[in-house]
C-alpha atoms as a PDB file:
ATOM      1  CA  MET A   1      70.997 -11.755  61.630  1.00  0.00           C
ATOM      2  CA  SER A   2      67.566 -13.210  61.554  1.00  0.00           C
ATOM      3  CA  ASP A   3      65.863 -14.142  58.459  1.00  0.00           C
ATOM      4  CA  ILE A   4      62.668 -12.149  57.066  1.00  0.00           C
ATOM      5  CA  THR A   5      60.088 -14.069  55.127  1.00  0.00           C
ATOM      6  CA  ARG A   6      57.422 -12.299  52.969  1.00  0.00           C
ATOM      7  CA  ILE A   7      54.463 -14.208  52.144  1.00  0.00           C
ATOM      8  CA  GLU A   8      52.305 -13.193  49.019  1.00  0.00           C
ATOM      9  CA  THR A   9      54.617 -10.144  48.172  1.00  0.00           C
ATOM     10  CA  GLY A  10      53.429  -7.809  45.534  1.00  0.00           C
ATOM     11  CA  THR A  11      54.576  -4.206  44.661  1.00  0.00           C
ATOM     12  CA  ARG A  12      53.437  -2.142  47.143  1.00  0.00           C
ATOM     13  CA  MET A  13      53.275  -4.656  50.147  1.00  0.00           C
ATOM     14  CA  SER A  14      53.270  -8.203  51.469  1.00  0.00           C
ATOM     15  CA  GLN A  15      50.263  -9.903  53.146  1.00  0.00           C
ATOM     16  CA  ALA A  16      52.675 -11.276  55.608  1.00  0.00           C
ATOM     17  CA  VAL A  17      56.056 -10.701  57.028  1.00  0.00           C
ATOM     18  CA  VAL A  18      57.505 -13.138  59.540  1.00  0.00           C
ATOM     19  CA  HIS A  19      60.622 -11.931  61.254  1.00  0.00           C
ATOM     20  CA  ASN A  20      62.188 -13.359  64.693  1.00  0.00           C
ATOM     21  CA  GLY A  21      59.529 -15.327  65.568  1.00  0.00           C
ATOM     22  CA  THR A  22      56.700 -12.709  64.949  1.00  0.00           C
ATOM     23  CA  VAL A  23      54.098 -12.440  62.172  1.00  0.00           C
ATOM     24  CA  TYR A  24      52.860  -9.301  61.180  1.00  0.00           C
ATOM     25  CA  LEU A  25      49.856  -9.049  58.679  1.00  0.00           C
ATOM     26  CA  ALA A  26      48.877  -6.217  56.291  1.00  0.00           C
ATOM     27  CA  GLY A  27      45.566  -4.835  57.039  1.00  0.00           C
ATOM     28  CA  GLN A  28      42.473  -7.449  55.763  1.00  0.00           C
ATOM     29  CA  VAL A  29      39.487  -6.141  54.477  1.00  0.00           C
ATOM     30  CA  GLY A  30      36.250  -8.331  53.362  1.00  0.00           C
ATOM     31  CA  THR A  31      34.035  -8.506  50.200  1.00  0.00           C
ATOM     32  CA  ALA A  32      33.672  -4.546  49.191  1.00  0.00           C
ATOM     33  CA  GLY A  33      30.199  -3.530  50.047  1.00  0.00           C
ATOM     34  CA  ALA A  34      29.059  -6.477  51.807  1.00  0.00           C
ATOM     35  CA  SER A  35      27.538  -6.208  55.551  1.00  0.00           C
ATOM     36  CA  VAL A  36      29.748  -5.744  58.716  1.00  0.00           C
ATOM     37  CA  THR A  37      29.045  -9.024  59.619  1.00  0.00           C
ATOM     38  CA  GLN A  38      30.188 -10.701  56.252  1.00  0.00           C
ATOM     39  CA  GLN A  39      33.109  -8.278  55.996  1.00  0.00           C
ATOM     40  CA  THR A  40      34.244  -9.612  59.168  1.00  0.00           C
ATOM     41  CA  GLN A  41      33.807 -13.122  58.826  1.00  0.00           C
ATOM     42  CA  ASP A  42      35.628 -12.781  55.689  1.00  0.00           C
ATOM     43  CA  ILE A  43      38.549 -11.206  57.083  1.00  0.00           C
ATOM     44  CA  LEU A  44      38.743 -13.377  59.659  1.00  0.00           C
ATOM     45  CA  ALA A  45      38.907 -16.290  57.395  1.00  0.00           C
ATOM     46  CA  GLU A  46      41.616 -14.482  55.641  1.00  0.00           C
ATOM     47  CA  ILE A  47      43.420 -13.874  58.964  1.00  0.00           C
ATOM     48  CA  GLU A  48      43.450 -17.687  59.571  1.00  0.00           C
ATOM     49  CA  ARG A  49      44.559 -18.543  56.030  1.00  0.00           C
ATOM     50  CA  LEU A  50      47.789 -16.388  56.125  1.00  0.00           C
ATOM     51  CA  LEU A  51      48.518 -17.405  59.833  1.00  0.00           C
ATOM     52  CA  SER A  52      48.542 -20.701  58.818  1.00  0.00           C
ATOM     53  CA  ASP A  53      50.744 -19.882  55.659  1.00  0.00           C
ATOM     54  CA  ALA A  54      53.329 -18.427  58.271  1.00  0.00           C
ATOM     55  CA  GLY A  55      53.109 -21.328  60.874  1.00  0.00           C
ATOM     56  CA  SER A  56      50.974 -19.621  63.250  1.00  0.00           C
ATOM     57  CA  ASP A  57      46.998 -19.875  64.260  1.00  0.00           C
ATOM     58  CA  LYS A  58      44.557 -17.602  65.880  1.00  0.00           C
ATOM     59  CA  THR A  59      45.671 -18.847  69.524  1.00  0.00           C
ATOM     60  CA  ARG A  60      49.027 -16.991  68.812  1.00  0.00           C
ATOM     61  CA  ILE A  61      47.620 -13.570  68.167  1.00  0.00           C
ATOM     62  CA  LEU A  62      49.373 -11.086  70.490  1.00  0.00           C
ATOM     63  CA  TYR A  63      47.523  -8.117  69.041  1.00  0.00           C
ATOM     64  CA  ALA A  64      44.576  -6.898  67.018  1.00  0.00           C
ATOM     65  CA  GLN A  65      43.891  -3.492  65.450  1.00  0.00           C
ATOM     66  CA  ILE A  66      40.370  -3.097  64.165  1.00  0.00           C
ATOM     67  CA  TRP A  67      39.137  -0.254  62.070  1.00  0.00           C
ATOM     68  CA  LEU A  68      35.545   0.410  61.650  1.00  0.00           C
ATOM     69  CA  ALA A  69      34.228   3.064  59.048  1.00  0.00           C
ATOM     70  CA  ASP A  70      31.566   3.822  61.521  1.00  0.00           C
ATOM     71  CA  MET A  71      31.679   3.117  65.026  1.00  0.00           C
ATOM     72  CA  ALA A  72      27.880   2.500  65.097  1.00  0.00           C
ATOM     73  CA  ASP A  73      29.020  -1.043  63.588  1.00  0.00           C
ATOM     74  CA  PHE A  74      31.031  -1.803  66.774  1.00  0.00           C
ATOM     75  CA  ALA A  75      28.581  -4.366  68.265  1.00  0.00           C
ATOM     76  CA  GLU A  76      27.833  -6.057  64.779  1.00  0.00           C
ATOM     77  CA  MET A  77      31.493  -6.704  64.130  1.00  0.00           C
ATOM     78  CA  ASN A  78      31.995  -7.555  68.073  1.00  0.00           C
ATOM     79  CA  ALA A  79      29.559 -10.554  67.800  1.00  0.00           C
ATOM     80  CA  VAL A  80      31.552 -12.109  64.845  1.00  0.00           C
ATOM     81  CA  TRP A  81      34.921 -11.492  66.484  1.00  0.00           C
ATOM     82  CA  ASP A  82      33.745 -12.603  70.020  1.00  0.00           C
ATOM     83  CA  ALA A  83      32.458 -16.249  68.260  1.00  0.00           C
ATOM     84  CA  TRP A  84      35.707 -16.349  66.427  1.00  0.00           C
ATOM     85  CA  VAL A  85      38.531 -15.687  69.239  1.00  0.00           C
ATOM     86  CA  PRO A  86      39.191 -19.054  71.117  1.00  0.00           C
ATOM     87  CA  GLU A  87      38.076 -19.048  74.753  1.00  0.00           C
ATOM     88  CA  GLY A  88      41.176 -18.159  76.836  1.00  0.00           C
ATOM     89  CA  GLN A  89      42.958 -16.728  73.902  1.00  0.00           C
ATOM     90  CA  ALA A  90      41.728 -12.972  73.447  1.00  0.00           C
ATOM     91  CA  PRO A  91      44.696 -10.736  72.238  1.00  0.00           C
ATOM     92  CA  ALA A  92      45.609  -7.295  73.211  1.00  0.00           C
ATOM     93  CA  ARG A  93      43.314  -5.399  70.924  1.00  0.00           C
ATOM     94  CA  ALA A  94      42.536  -1.612  70.022  1.00  0.00           C
ATOM     95  CA  THR A  95      39.334  -0.643  67.809  1.00  0.00           C
ATOM     96  CA  GLY A  96      39.019   2.590  66.267  1.00  0.00           C
ATOM     97  CA  GLU A  97      37.041   4.687  63.586  1.00  0.00           C
ATOM     98  CA  ALA A  98      38.795   5.900  60.379  1.00  0.00           C
ATOM     99  CA  LYS A  99      37.912   6.454  56.788  1.00  0.00           C
ATOM    100  CA  LEU A 100      38.913   3.045  55.037  1.00  0.00           C
ATOM    101  CA  ALA A 101      40.331   2.879  51.383  1.00  0.00           C
ATOM    102  CA  THR A 102      37.065   2.964  49.943  1.00  0.00           C
ATOM    103  CA  PRO A 103      33.379   3.598  51.153  1.00  0.00           C
ATOM    104  CA  ASP A 104      32.412   0.055  50.537  1.00  0.00           C
ATOM    105  CA  TYR A 105      34.834  -1.088  53.068  1.00  0.00           C
ATOM    106  CA  LYS A 106      33.433  -1.269  56.844  1.00  0.00           C
ATOM    107  CA  VAL A 107      35.793  -3.152  58.674  1.00  0.00           C
ATOM    108  CA  GLU A 108      39.605  -3.476  58.500  1.00  0.00           C
ATOM    109  CA  ILE A 109      41.788  -5.787  60.829  1.00  0.00           C
ATOM    110  CA  ILE A 110      45.622  -5.705  61.109  1.00  0.00           C
ATOM    111  CA  VAL A 111      47.185  -8.525  63.688  1.00  0.00           C
ATOM    112  CA  THR A 112      50.562  -9.407  64.901  1.00  0.00           C
ATOM    113  CA  ALA A 113      50.977 -12.993  66.019  1.00  0.00           C
ATOM    114  CA  ALA A 114      53.583 -15.274  67.638  1.00  0.00           C
ATOM    115  CA  ALA A 115      55.034 -17.386  64.893  1.00  0.00           C
END
């Protein structure tokens, strides 16, 4: 049986779980009320930190799921994302529109990576 490692575990959820060579991150959000650009930058920095804590990095992301409160922000979010993803290392990705936890959140990103 493979071990399960939980990182930053709270009552409701863990920020990351590592199992069988795969890292699963909880949905990450940025500073509430900030611009889409700032929220996306905050999120990607947090993803890098959590992946590092799990023994991985952004070159090992397998899949990203991005939720936007408004698809009109797609280009603004993509400008930050495209500058962040290492060339030749883009993961599989989906982006959709959803009502997020509060109206102050404009972006949420969930990733799965190889450990």
